């Protein structure tokens, strides 16, 4: 739920890592893998290299999945994304804009159920 539980070292060239392991899960929540570098790289056209997987939700003992404050964070993030996507001028068609906004609304509905 946003807490770093394990860190890994990069290979000497700083371009890759080969990791394997398991994560102990004691309660409902979510996990993801995030990779980044604190400094810029000439190979990445951004402030710094950054990548993340989608969240994987955990369900312990068949309890109802609830994300609490994490759900609130993602709902606010999706609301901001929706507003920016709705105002973006570079869609090819109105149907394309509508499809994107529908995907965002569907994601928001999932987090609303998991509050």
PDB file of N, CA and C in Angstrom:
ATOM      1  N   UNK A   1       0.819  -1.200   0.000  1.00  0.00           N
ATOM      2  CA  UNK A   1       0.000   0.000   0.000  1.00  0.00           C
ATOM      3  C   UNK A   1       0.860   1.260   0.000  1.00  0.00           C
ATOM      4  N   UNK A   2       1.913   1.259  -0.790  1.00  0.00           N
ATOM      5  CA  UNK A   2       2.778   2.417  -0.931  1.00  0.00           C
ATOM      6  C   UNK A   2       4.046   2.359  -0.109  1.00  0.00           C
ATOM      7  N   UNK A   3       4.172   1.391   0.753  1.00  0.00           N
ATOM      8  CA  UNK A   3       5.362   1.242   1.593  1.00  0.00           C
ATOM      9  C   UNK A   3       6.402   0.397   0.858  1.00  0.00           C
ATOM     10  N   UNK A   4       7.649   0.870   0.842  1.00  0.00           N
ATOM     11  CA  UNK A   4       8.725   0.086   0.232  1.00  0.00           C
ATOM     12  C   UNK A   4       9.037  -1.087   1.150  1.00  0.00           C
ATOM     13  N   UNK A   5       8.944  -2.303   0.612  1.00  0.00           N
ATOM     14  CA  UNK A   5       9.196  -3.484   1.438  1.00  0.00           C
ATOM     15  C   UNK A   5      10.485  -4.200   1.065  1.00  0.00           C
ATOM     16  N   UNK A   6      11.030  -3.881  -0.108  1.00  0.00           N
ATOM     17  CA  UNK A   6      12.280  -4.508  -0.501  1.00  0.00           C
ATOM     18  C   UNK A   6      12.923  -3.678  -1.601  1.00  0.00           C
ATOM     19  N   UNK A   7      14.246  -3.615  -1.593  1.00  0.00           N
ATOM     20  CA  UNK A   7      15.001  -2.920  -2.632  1.00  0.00           C
ATOM     21  C   UNK A   7      16.017  -3.875  -3.226  1.00  0.00           C
ATOM     22  N   UNK A   8      16.374  -3.626  -4.470  1.00  0.00           N
ATOM     23  CA  UNK A   8      17.331  -4.471  -5.178  1.00  0.00           C
ATOM     24  C   UNK A   8      18.406  -3.596  -5.798  1.00  0.00           C
ATOM     25  N   UNK A   9      19.594  -4.160  -5.949  1.00  0.00           N
ATOM     26  CA  UNK A   9      20.690  -3.449  -6.593  1.00  0.00           C
ATOM     27  C   UNK A   9      20.668  -3.697  -8.094  1.00  0.00           C
ATOM     28  N   UNK A  10      21.099  -2.683  -8.833  1.00  0.00           N
ATOM     29  CA  UNK A  10      21.230  -2.813 -10.276  1.00  0.00           C
ATOM     30  C   UNK A  10      22.538  -3.535 -10.598  1.00  0.00           C
ATOM     31  N   UNK A  11      22.621  -4.009 -11.811  1.00  0.00           N
ATOM     32  CA  UNK A  11      23.889  -4.562 -12.289  1.00  0.00           C
ATOM     33  C   UNK A  11      24.890  -3.424 -12.420  1.00  0.00           C
ATOM     34  N   UNK A  12      26.155  -3.784 -12.582  1.00  0.00           N
ATOM     35  CA  UNK A  12      27.216  -2.773 -12.637  1.00  0.00           C
ATOM     36  C   UNK A  12      26.985  -1.724 -13.717  1.00  0.00           C
ATOM     37  N   UNK A  13      26.415  -2.118 -14.854  1.00  0.00           N
ATOM     38  CA  UNK A  13      26.204  -1.149 -15.930  1.00  0.00           C
ATOM     39  C   UNK A  13      25.038  -0.199 -15.639  1.00  0.00           C
ATOM     40  N   UNK A  14      24.292  -0.457 -14.584  1.00  0.00           N
ATOM     41  CA  UNK A  14      23.178   0.402 -14.202  1.00  0.00           C
ATOM     42  C   UNK A  14      21.992   0.359 -15.139  1.00  0.00           C
ATOM     43  N   UNK A  15      21.949  -0.620 -16.024  1.00  0.00           N
ATOM     44  CA  UNK A  15      20.895  -0.686 -17.033  1.00  0.00           C
ATOM     45  C   UNK A  15      19.891  -1.807 -16.803  1.00  0.00           C
ATOM     46  N   UNK A  16      20.176  -2.733 -15.884  1.00  0.00           N
ATOM     47  CA  UNK A  16      19.258  -3.855 -15.712  1.00  0.00           C
ATOM     48  C   UNK A  16      19.438  -4.485 -14.336  1.00  0.00           C
ATOM     49  N   UNK A  17      18.479  -5.312 -14.001  1.00  0.00           N
ATOM     50  CA  UNK A  17      18.537  -6.094 -12.771  1.00  0.00           C
ATOM     51  C   UNK A  17      17.814  -7.403 -13.043  1.00  0.00           C
ATOM     52  N   UNK A  18      18.284  -8.455 -12.446  1.00  0.00           N
ATOM     53  CA  UNK A  18      17.630  -9.759 -12.566  1.00  0.00           C
ATOM     54  C   UNK A  18      17.249 -10.161 -11.154  1.00  0.00           C
ATOM     55  N   UNK A  19      15.961 -10.065 -10.834  1.00  0.00           N
ATOM     56  CA  UNK A  19      15.522 -10.294  -9.460  1.00  0.00           C
ATOM     57  C   UNK A  19      14.543 -11.451  -9.399  1.00  0.00           C
ATOM     58  N   UNK A  20      14.517 -12.070  -8.256  1.00  0.00           N
ATOM     59  CA  UNK A  20      13.603 -13.177  -8.010  1.00  0.00           C
ATOM     60  C   UNK A  20      13.331 -13.208  -6.519  1.00  0.00           C
ATOM     61  N   UNK A  21      12.139 -13.570  -6.135  1.00  0.00           N
ATOM     62  CA  UNK A  21      11.841 -13.656  -4.710  1.00  0.00           C
ATOM     63  C   UNK A  21      10.357 -13.710  -4.460  1.00  0.00           C
ATOM     64  N   UNK A  22      10.005 -13.571  -3.211  1.00  0.00           N
ATOM     65  CA  UNK A  22       8.601 -13.581  -2.823  1.00  0.00           C
ATOM     66  C   UNK A  22       8.361 -12.455  -1.826  1.00  0.00           C
ATOM     67  N   UNK A  23       7.107 -12.096  -1.693  1.00  0.00           N
ATOM     68  CA  UNK A  23       6.713 -11.023  -0.789  1.00  0.00           C
ATOM     69  C   UNK A  23       5.711 -11.596   0.205  1.00  0.00           C
ATOM     70  N   UNK A  24       6.001 -11.527   1.500  1.00  0.00           N
ATOM     71  CA  UNK A  24       5.022 -12.012   2.479  1.00  0.00           C
ATOM     72  C   UNK A  24       3.807 -11.083   2.498  1.00  0.00           C
ATOM     73  N   UNK A  25       2.623 -11.664   2.470  1.00  0.00           N
ATOM     74  CA  UNK A  25       1.386 -10.886   2.454  1.00  0.00           C
ATOM     75  C   UNK A  25       0.552 -11.313   3.652  1.00  0.00           C
ATOM     76  N   UNK A  26       0.281 -10.362   4.562  1.00  0.00           N
ATOM     77  CA  UNK A  26      -0.465 -10.679   5.778  1.00  0.00           C
ATOM     78  C   UNK A  26      -1.865 -10.081   5.787  1.00  0.00           C
ATOM     79  N   UNK A  27      -2.141  -9.154   4.851  1.00  0.00           N
ATOM     80  CA  UNK A  27      -3.451  -8.520   4.830  1.00  0.00           C
ATOM     81  C   UNK A  27      -3.790  -8.081   3.415  1.00  0.00           C
ATOM     82  N   UNK A  28      -5.053  -7.742   3.203  1.00  0.00           N
ATOM     83  CA  UNK A  28      -5.470  -7.242   1.901  1.00  0.00           C
ATOM     84  C   UNK A  28      -4.692  -5.978   1.565  1.00  0.00           C
ATOM     85  N   UNK A  29      -4.453  -5.780   0.312  1.00  0.00           N
ATOM     86  CA  UNK A  29      -3.758  -4.580  -0.125  1.00  0.00           C
ATOM     87  C   UNK A  29      -3.337  -4.711  -1.570  1.00  0.00           C
ATOM     88  N   UNK A  30      -2.234  -4.074  -1.919  1.00  0.00           N
ATOM     89  CA  UNK A  30      -1.721  -4.153  -3.277  1.00  0.00           C
ATOM     90  C   UNK A  30      -0.206  -4.063  -3.253  1.00  0.00           C
ATOM     91  N   UNK A  31       0.395  -4.623  -4.292  1.00  0.00           N
ATOM     92  CA  UNK A  31       1.844  -4.558  -4.453  1.00  0.00           C
ATOM     93  C   UNK A  31       2.138  -4.218  -5.908  1.00  0.00           C
ATOM     94  N   UNK A  32       3.287  -3.636  -6.130  1.00  0.00           N
ATOM     95  CA  UNK A  32       3.764  -3.391  -7.482  1.00  0.00           C
ATOM     96  C   UNK A  32       5.275  -3.334  -7.455  1.00  0.00           C
ATOM     97  N   UNK A  33       5.854  -3.387  -8.619  1.00  0.00           N
ATOM     98  CA  UNK A  33       7.303  -3.270  -8.764  1.00  0.00           C
ATOM     99  C   UNK A  33       7.585  -1.944  -9.440  1.00  0.00           C
ATOM    100  N   UNK A  34       8.476  -1.178  -8.844  1.00  0.00           N
ATOM    101  CA  UNK A  34       8.822   0.134  -9.373  1.00  0.00           C
ATOM    102  C   UNK A  34      10.338   0.186  -9.564  1.00  0.00           C
ATOM    103  N   UNK A  35      10.754   0.737 -10.683  1.00  0.00           N
ATOM    104  CA  UNK A  35      12.184   0.902 -10.960  1.00  0.00           C
ATOM    105  C   UNK A  35      12.443   2.356 -11.342  1.00  0.00           C
ATOM    106  N   UNK A  36      13.502   2.921 -10.791  1.00  0.00           N
ATOM    107  CA  UNK A  36      13.849   4.289 -11.147  1.00  0.00           C
ATOM    108  C   UNK A  36      15.309   4.557 -10.833  1.00  0.00           C
ATOM    109  N   UNK A  37      15.776   5.678 -11.317  1.00  0.00           N
ATOM    110  CA  UNK A  37      17.112   6.166 -11.021  1.00  0.00           C
ATOM    111  C   UNK A  37      16.947   7.607 -10.562  1.00  0.00           C
ATOM    112  N   UNK A  38      17.691   8.006  -9.561  1.00  0.00           N
ATOM    113  CA  UNK A  38      17.557   9.364  -9.044  1.00  0.00           C
ATOM    114  C   UNK A  38      18.055  10.422 -10.016  1.00  0.00           C
ATOM    115  N   UNK A  39      18.950  10.026 -10.924  1.00  0.00           N
ATOM    116  CA  UNK A  39      19.520  10.983 -11.860  1.00  0.00           C
ATOM    117  C   UNK A  39      19.080  10.739 -13.287  1.00  0.00           C
ATOM    118  N   UNK A  40      19.344  11.697 -14.163  1.00  0.00           N
ATOM    119  CA  UNK A  40      18.952  11.549 -15.563  1.00  0.00           C
ATOM    120  C   UNK A  40      19.822  10.537 -16.297  1.00  0.00           C
ATOM    121  N   UNK A  41      19.326  10.113 -17.455  1.00  0.00           N
ATOM    122  CA  UNK A  41      20.066   9.220 -18.339  1.00  0.00           C
ATOM    123  C   UNK A  41      19.924   9.760 -19.754  1.00  0.00           C
ATOM    124  N   UNK A  42      21.013   9.797 -20.525  1.00  0.00           N
ATOM    125  CA  UNK A  42      20.896  10.289 -21.901  1.00  0.00           C
ATOM    126  C   UNK A  42      20.039   9.385 -22.787  1.00  0.00           C
ATOM    127  N   UNK A  43      19.779   8.160 -22.336  1.00  0.00           N
ATOM    128  CA  UNK A  43      18.970   7.221 -23.117  1.00  0.00           C
ATOM    129  C   UNK A  43      17.472   7.356 -22.857  1.00  0.00           C
ATOM    130  N   UNK A  44      17.091   8.182 -21.885  1.00  0.00           N
ATOM    131  CA  UNK A  44      15.681   8.332 -21.517  1.00  0.00           C
ATOM    132  C   UNK A  44      15.302   9.802 -21.653  1.00  0.00           C
ATOM    133  N   UNK A  45      14.291  10.077 -22.458  1.00  0.00           N
ATOM    134  CA  UNK A  45      13.865  11.452 -22.694  1.00  0.00           C
ATOM    135  C   UNK A  45      12.858  11.884 -21.630  1.00  0.00           C
ATOM    136  N   UNK A  46      13.343  11.992 -20.400  1.00  0.00           N
ATOM    137  CA  UNK A  46      12.524  12.421 -19.276  1.00  0.00           C
ATOM    138  C   UNK A  46      13.474  12.938 -18.205  1.00  0.00           C
ATOM    139  N   UNK A  47      12.937  13.392 -17.086  1.00  0.00           N
ATOM    140  CA  UNK A  47      13.796  13.907 -16.021  1.00  0.00           C
ATOM    141  C   UNK A  47      14.705  12.832 -15.455  1.00  0.00           C
ATOM    142  N   UNK A  48      14.178  11.598 -15.361  1.00  0.00           N
ATOM    143  CA  UNK A  48      14.949  10.453 -14.882  1.00  0.00           C
ATOM    144  C   UNK A  48      14.231   9.184 -15.307  1.00  0.00           C
ATOM    145  N   UNK A  49      14.958   8.068 -15.404  1.00  0.00           N
ATOM    146  CA  UNK A  49      14.312   6.799 -15.779  1.00  0.00           C
ATOM    147  C   UNK A  49      13.342   6.350 -14.686  1.00  0.00           C
ATOM    148  N   UNK A  50      12.172   5.882 -15.112  1.00  0.00           N
ATOM    149  CA  UNK A  50      11.145   5.450 -14.166  1.00  0.00           C
ATOM    150  C   UNK A  50      10.230   4.456 -14.872  1.00  0.00           C
ATOM    151  N   UNK A  51       9.881   3.381 -14.180  1.00  0.00           N
ATOM    152  CA  UNK A  51       8.928   2.401 -14.712  1.00  0.00           C
ATOM    153  C   UNK A  51       8.209   1.752 -13.545  1.00  0.00           C
ATOM    154  N   UNK A  52       6.985   1.301 -13.779  1.00  0.00           N
ATOM    155  CA  UNK A  52       6.217   0.624 -12.743  1.00  0.00           C
ATOM    156  C   UNK A  52       5.269  -0.386 -13.374  1.00  0.00           C
ATOM    157  N   UNK A  53       4.987  -1.427 -12.638  1.00  0.00           N
ATOM    158  CA  UNK A  53       3.970  -2.380 -13.072  1.00  0.00           C
ATOM    159  C   UNK A  53       2.610  -1.870 -12.616  1.00  0.00           C
ATOM    160  N   UNK A  54       1.561  -2.486 -13.074  1.00  0.00           N
ATOM    161  CA  UNK A  54       0.238  -2.229 -12.514  1.00  0.00           C
ATOM    162  C   UNK A  54       0.186  -2.796 -11.099  1.00  0.00           C
ATOM    163  N   UNK A  55      -0.721  -2.279 -10.303  1.00  0.00           N
ATOM    164  CA  UNK A  55      -0.913  -2.815  -8.957  1.00  0.00           C
ATOM    165  C   UNK A  55      -1.499  -4.221  -9.042  1.00  0.00           C
ATOM    166  N   UNK A  56      -0.993  -5.095  -8.193  1.00  0.00           N
ATOM    167  CA  UNK A  56      -1.544  -6.445  -8.045  1.00  0.00           C
ATOM    168  C   UNK A  56      -2.219  -6.474  -6.681  1.00  0.00           C
ATOM    169  N   UNK A  57      -3.518  -6.703  -6.673  1.00  0.00           N
ATOM    170  CA  UNK A  57      -4.265  -6.688  -5.422  1.00  0.00           C
ATOM    171  C   UNK A  57      -4.161  -8.035  -4.724  1.00  0.00           C
ATOM    172  N   UNK A  58      -4.003  -7.996  -3.409  1.00  0.00           N
ATOM    173  CA  UNK A  58      -3.905  -9.219  -2.616  1.00  0.00           C
ATOM    174  C   UNK A  58      -5.186  -9.396  -1.807  1.00  0.00           C
ATOM    175  N   UNK A  59      -5.602 -10.626  -1.680  1.00  0.00           N
ATOM    176  CA  UNK A  59      -6.818 -10.961  -0.937  1.00  0.00           C
ATOM    177  C   UNK A  59      -6.456 -12.082   0.029  1.00  0.00           C
ATOM    178  N   UNK A  60      -6.433 -11.774   1.312  1.00  0.00           N
ATOM    179  CA  UNK A  60      -6.044 -12.738   2.334  1.00  0.00           C
ATOM    180  C   UNK A  60      -7.297 -13.285   3.012  1.00  0.00           C
ATOM    181  N   UNK A  61      -7.368 -14.588   3.137  1.00  0.00           N
ATOM    182  CA  UNK A  61      -8.452 -15.277   3.856  1.00  0.00           C
ATOM    183  C   UNK A  61      -9.826 -14.953   3.294  1.00  0.00           C
ATOM    184  N   UNK A  62      -9.902 -14.773   2.000  1.00  0.00           N
ATOM    185  CA  UNK A  62     -11.175 -14.545   1.318  1.00  0.00           C
ATOM    186  C   UNK A  62     -11.983 -13.389   1.900  1.00  0.00           C
ATOM    187  N   UNK A  63     -11.311 -12.417   2.482  1.00  0.00           N
ATOM    188  CA  UNK A  63     -12.021 -11.247   2.996  1.00  0.00           C
ATOM    189  C   UNK A  63     -12.305 -10.294   1.836  1.00  0.00           C
ATOM    190  N   UNK A  64     -13.244  -9.382   2.054  1.00  0.00           N
ATOM    191  CA  UNK A  64     -13.569  -8.414   1.015  1.00  0.00           C
ATOM    192  C   UNK A  64     -12.381  -7.485   0.820  1.00  0.00           C
ATOM    193  N   UNK A  65     -11.999  -7.287  -0.419  1.00  0.00           N
ATOM    194  CA  UNK A  65     -10.849  -6.449  -0.725  1.00  0.00           C
ATOM    195  C   UNK A  65     -11.209  -4.984  -0.501  1.00  0.00           C
ATOM    196  N   UNK A  66     -10.496  -4.347   0.394  1.00  0.00           N
ATOM    197  CA  UNK A  66     -10.694  -2.931   0.662  1.00  0.00           C
ATOM    198  C   UNK A  66      -9.336  -2.261   0.697  1.00  0.00           C
ATOM    199  N   UNK A  67      -9.234  -1.132   0.043  1.00  0.00           N
ATOM    200  CA  UNK A  67      -7.942  -0.460  -0.075  1.00  0.00           C
ATOM    201  C   UNK A  67      -7.847   0.802   0.769  1.00  0.00           C
ATOM    202  N   UNK A  68      -8.934   1.218   1.396  1.00  0.00           N
ATOM    203  CA  UNK A  68      -8.903   2.360   2.300  1.00  0.00           C
ATOM    204  C   UNK A  68      -8.301   3.602   1.686  1.00  0.00           C
ATOM    205  N   UNK A  69      -7.300   4.157   2.364  1.00  0.00           N
ATOM    206  CA  UNK A  69      -6.696   5.410   1.922  1.00  0.00           C
ATOM    207  C   UNK A  69      -5.995   5.261   0.576  1.00  0.00           C
ATOM    208  N   UNK A  70      -5.535   4.067   0.250  1.00  0.00           N
ATOM    209  CA  UNK A  70      -4.930   3.856  -1.066  1.00  0.00           C
ATOM    210  C   UNK A  70      -5.972   4.065  -2.161  1.00  0.00           C
ATOM    211  N   UNK A  71      -7.186   3.577  -1.932  1.00  0.00           N
ATOM    212  CA  UNK A  71      -8.256   3.785  -2.912  1.00  0.00           C
ATOM    213  C   UNK A  71      -8.535   5.273  -3.072  1.00  0.00           C
ATOM    214  N   UNK A  72      -8.568   6.003  -1.968  1.00  0.00           N
ATOM    215  CA  UNK A  72      -8.807   7.443  -2.042  1.00  0.00           C
ATOM    216  C   UNK A  72      -7.720   8.140  -2.854  1.00  0.00           C
ATOM    217  N   UNK A  73      -6.468   7.722  -2.675  1.00  0.00           N
ATOM    218  CA  UNK A  73      -5.359   8.297  -3.440  1.00  0.00           C
ATOM    219  C   UNK A  73      -5.580   8.082  -4.931  1.00  0.00           C
ATOM    220  N   UNK A  74      -5.901   6.840  -5.326  1.00  0.00           N
ATOM    221  CA  UNK A  74      -6.065   6.532  -6.742  1.00  0.00           C
ATOM    222  C   UNK A  74      -7.329   7.171  -7.322  1.00  0.00           C
ATOM    223  N   UNK A  75      -8.373   7.325  -6.527  1.00  0.00           N
ATOM    224  CA  UNK A  75      -9.573   8.018  -7.002  1.00  0.00           C
ATOM    225  C   UNK A  75      -9.234   9.469  -7.324  1.00  0.00           C
ATOM    226  N   UNK A  76      -8.511  10.132  -6.441  1.00  0.00           N
ATOM    227  CA  UNK A  76      -8.103  11.517  -6.690  1.00  0.00           C
ATOM    228  C   UNK A  76      -7.196  11.600  -7.917  1.00  0.00           C
ATOM    229  N   UNK A  77      -6.278  10.635  -8.052  1.00  0.00           N
ATOM    230  CA  UNK A  77      -5.373  10.608  -9.199  1.00  0.00           C
ATOM    231  C   UNK A  77      -6.169  10.427 -10.491  1.00  0.00           C
ATOM    232  N   UNK A  78      -7.145   9.515 -10.471  1.00  0.00           N
ATOM    233  CA  UNK A  78      -7.974   9.281 -11.656  1.00  0.00           C
ATOM    234  C   UNK A  78      -8.852  10.488 -11.973  1.00  0.00           C
ATOM    235  N   UNK A  79      -9.331  11.193 -10.959  1.00  0.00           N
ATOM    236  CA  UNK A  79     -10.112  12.407 -11.200  1.00  0.00           C
ATOM    237  C   UNK A  79      -9.261  13.450 -11.920  1.00  0.00           C
ATOM    238  N   UNK A  80      -8.020  13.599 -11.495  1.00  0.00           N
ATOM    239  CA  UNK A  80      -7.106  14.530 -12.150  1.00  0.00           C
ATOM    240  C   UNK A  80      -6.818  14.079 -13.582  1.00  0.00           C
ATOM    241  N   UNK A  81      -6.579  12.785 -13.752  1.00  0.00           N
ATOM    242  CA  UNK A  81      -6.330  12.234 -15.085  1.00  0.00           C
ATOM    243  C   UNK A  81      -7.539  12.471 -15.995  1.00  0.00           C
ATOM    244  N   UNK A  82      -8.745  12.225 -15.469  1.00  0.00           N
ATOM    245  CA  UNK A  82      -9.976  12.449 -16.240  1.00  0.00           C
ATOM    246  C   UNK A  82     -10.091  13.898 -16.688  1.00  0.00           C
ATOM    247  N   UNK A  83      -9.842  14.835 -15.770  1.00  0.00           N
ATOM    248  CA  UNK A  83      -9.951  16.254 -16.112  1.00  0.00           C
ATOM    249  C   UNK A  83      -8.948  16.634 -17.195  1.00  0.00           C
ATOM    250  N   UNK A  84      -7.715  16.154 -17.056  1.00  0.00           N
ATOM    251  CA  UNK A  84      -6.700  16.454 -18.066  1.00  0.00           C
ATOM    252  C   UNK A  84      -7.022  15.792 -19.399  1.00  0.00           C
ATOM    253  N   UNK A  85      -7.501  14.552 -19.353  1.00  0.00           N
ATOM    254  CA  UNK A  85      -7.843  13.841 -20.586  1.00  0.00           C
ATOM    255  C   UNK A  85      -9.029  14.503 -21.287  1.00  0.00           C
ATOM    256  N   UNK A  86      -9.997  14.955 -20.525  1.00  0.00           N
ATOM    257  CA  UNK A  86     -11.178  15.590 -21.118  1.00  0.00           C
ATOM    258  C   UNK A  86     -10.810  16.890 -21.828  1.00  0.00           C
ATOM    259  N   UNK A  87      -9.849  17.623 -21.268  1.00  0.00           N
ATOM    260  CA  UNK A  87      -9.461  18.922 -21.824  1.00  0.00           C
ATOM    261  C   UNK A  87      -8.386  18.831 -22.901  1.00  0.00           C
ATOM    262  N   UNK A  88      -7.811  17.649 -23.092  1.00  0.00           N
ATOM    263  CA  UNK A  88      -6.703  17.510 -24.046  1.00  0.00           C
ATOM    264  C   UNK A  88      -7.199  17.744 -25.473  1.00  0.00           C
ATOM    265  N   UNK A  89      -6.499  18.570 -26.256  1.00  0.00           N
ATOM    266  CA  UNK A  89      -7.001  18.929 -27.588  1.00  0.00           C
ATOM    267  C   UNK A  89      -6.584  17.994 -28.727  1.00  0.00           C
ATOM    268  N   UNK A  90      -5.745  17.019 -28.475  1.00  0.00           N
ATOM    269  CA  UNK A  90      -5.123  16.278 -29.573  1.00  0.00           C
ATOM    270  C   UNK A  90      -5.722  14.911 -29.876  1.00  0.00           C
ATOM    271  N   UNK A  91      -6.981  14.689 -29.555  1.00  0.00           N
ATOM    272  CA  UNK A  91      -7.620  13.427 -29.932  1.00  0.00           C
ATOM    273  C   UNK A  91      -7.906  13.431 -31.426  1.00  0.00           C
ATOM    274  N   UNK A  92      -7.893  12.260 -32.022  1.00  0.00           N
ATOM    275  CA  UNK A  92      -8.213  12.151 -33.444  1.00  0.00           C
ATOM    276  C   UNK A  92      -9.708  12.325 -33.696  1.00  0.00           C
ATOM    277  N   UNK A  93     -10.536  11.830 -32.774  1.00  0.00           N
ATOM    278  CA  UNK A  93     -11.993  11.928 -32.925  1.00  0.00           C
ATOM    279  C   UNK A  93     -12.633  12.082 -31.551  1.00  0.00           C
ATOM    280  N   UNK A  94     -13.892  12.492 -31.545  1.00  0.00           N
ATOM    281  CA  UNK A  94     -14.646  12.543 -30.285  1.00  0.00           C
ATOM    282  C   UNK A  94     -14.838  11.144 -29.714  1.00  0.00           C
ATOM    283  N   UNK A  95     -14.944  10.146 -30.597  1.00  0.00           N
ATOM    284  CA  UNK A  95     -15.091   8.758 -30.137  1.00  0.00           C
ATOM    285  C   UNK A  95     -13.842   8.302 -29.387  1.00  0.00           C
ATOM    286  N   UNK A  96     -12.669   8.717 -29.862  1.00  0.00           N
ATOM    287  CA  UNK A  96     -11.426   8.363 -29.167  1.00  0.00           C
ATOM    288  C   UNK A  96     -11.409   8.989 -27.773  1.00  0.00           C
ATOM    289  N   UNK A  97     -11.778  10.251 -27.681  1.00  0.00           N
ATOM    290  CA  UNK A  97     -11.846  10.925 -26.377  1.00  0.00           C
ATOM    291  C   UNK A  97     -12.827  10.186 -25.461  1.00  0.00           C
ATOM    292  N   UNK A  98     -13.987   9.835 -25.999  1.00  0.00           N
ATOM    293  CA  UNK A  98     -14.992   9.128 -25.213  1.00  0.00           C
ATOM    294  C   UNK A  98     -14.509   7.784 -24.715  1.00  0.00           C
ATOM    295  N   UNK A  99     -13.785   7.046 -25.556  1.00  0.00           N
ATOM    296  CA  UNK A  99     -13.272   5.731 -25.153  1.00  0.00           C
ATOM    297  C   UNK A  99     -12.273   5.865 -24.011  1.00  0.00           C
ATOM    298  N   UNK A 100     -11.400   6.858 -24.092  1.00  0.00           N
ATOM    299  CA  UNK A 100     -10.416   7.087 -23.023  1.00  0.00           C
ATOM    300  C   UNK A 100     -11.138   7.439 -21.728  1.00  0.00           C
ATOM    301  N   UNK A 101     -12.100   8.327 -21.808  1.00  0.00           N
ATOM    302  CA  UNK A 101     -12.825   8.734 -20.604  1.00  0.00           C
ATOM    303  C   UNK A 101     -13.626   7.578 -20.012  1.00  0.00           C
ATOM    304  N   UNK A 102     -14.129   6.683 -20.850  1.00  0.00           N
ATOM    305  CA  UNK A 102     -14.829   5.494 -20.348  1.00  0.00           C
ATOM    306  C   UNK A 102     -13.880   4.570 -19.591  1.00  0.00           C
ATOM    307  N   UNK A 103     -12.662   4.397 -20.097  1.00  0.00           N
ATOM    308  CA  UNK A 103     -11.671   3.559 -19.398  1.00  0.00           C
ATOM    309  C   UNK A 103     -11.335   4.149 -18.029  1.00  0.00           C
ATOM    310  N   UNK A 104     -11.163   5.454 -17.990  1.00  0.00           N
ATOM    311  CA  UNK A 104     -10.852   6.112 -16.719  1.00  0.00           C
ATOM    312  C   UNK A 104     -12.024   5.956 -15.750  1.00  0.00           C
ATOM    313  N   UNK A 105     -13.248   6.116 -16.236  1.00  0.00           N
ATOM    314  CA  UNK A 105     -14.435   5.959 -15.382  1.00  0.00           C
ATOM    315  C   UNK A 105     -14.544   4.530 -14.852  1.00  0.00           C
ATOM    316  N   UNK A 106     -14.223   3.550 -15.689  1.00  0.00           N
ATOM    317  CA  UNK A 106     -14.275   2.149 -15.246  1.00  0.00           C
ATOM    318  C   UNK A 106     -13.246   1.888 -14.152  1.00  0.00           C
ATOM    319  N   UNK A 107     -12.046   2.432 -14.311  1.00  0.00           N
ATOM    320  CA  UNK A 107     -11.010   2.265 -13.286  1.00  0.00           C
ATOM    321  C   UNK A 107     -11.445   2.931 -11.984  1.00  0.00           C
ATOM    322  N   UNK A 108     -12.034   4.111 -12.088  1.00  0.00           N
ATOM    323  CA  UNK A 108     -12.497   4.822 -10.894  1.00  0.00           C
ATOM    324  C   UNK A 108     -13.572   4.019 -10.165  1.00  0.00           C
ATOM    325  N   UNK A 109     -14.464   3.388 -10.920  1.00  0.00           N
ATOM    326  CA  UNK A 109     -15.529   2.582 -10.314  1.00  0.00           C
ATOM    327  C   UNK A 109     -14.957   1.417  -9.510  1.00  0.00           C
ATOM    328  N   UNK A 110     -13.885   0.808  -9.999  1.00  0.00           N
ATOM    329  CA  UNK A 110     -13.239  -0.289  -9.262  1.00  0.00           C
ATOM    330  C   UNK A 110     -12.731   0.215  -7.919  1.00  0.00           C
ATOM    331  N   UNK A 111     -12.050   1.357  -7.914  1.00  0.00           N
ATOM    332  CA  UNK A 111     -11.526   1.877  -6.653  1.00  0.00           C
ATOM    333  C   UNK A 111     -12.643   2.345  -5.725  1.00  0.00           C
ATOM    334  N   UNK A 112     -13.737   2.845  -6.268  1.00  0.00           N
ATOM    335  CA  UNK A 112     -14.876   3.223  -5.422  1.00  0.00           C
ATOM    336  C   UNK A 112     -15.430   1.998  -4.699  1.00  0.00           C
ATOM    337  N   UNK A 113     -15.454   0.854  -5.370  1.00  0.00           N
ATOM    338  CA  UNK A 113     -15.927  -0.382  -4.738  1.00  0.00           C
ATOM    339  C   UNK A 113     -14.973  -0.864  -3.653  1.00  0.00           C
ATOM    340  N   UNK A 114     -13.710  -0.488  -3.747  1.00  0.00           N
ATOM    341  CA  UNK A 114     -12.682  -1.006  -2.829  1.00  0.00           C
ATOM    342  C   UNK A 114     -12.316  -0.018  -1.733  1.00  0.00           C
ATOM    343  N   UNK A 115     -13.077   1.030  -1.565  1.00  0.00           N
ATOM    344  CA  UNK A 115     -12.800   2.012  -0.506  1.00  0.00           C
ATOM    345  C   UNK A 115     -12.957   1.406   0.851  1.00  0.00           C
TER     346      UNK A 115
END
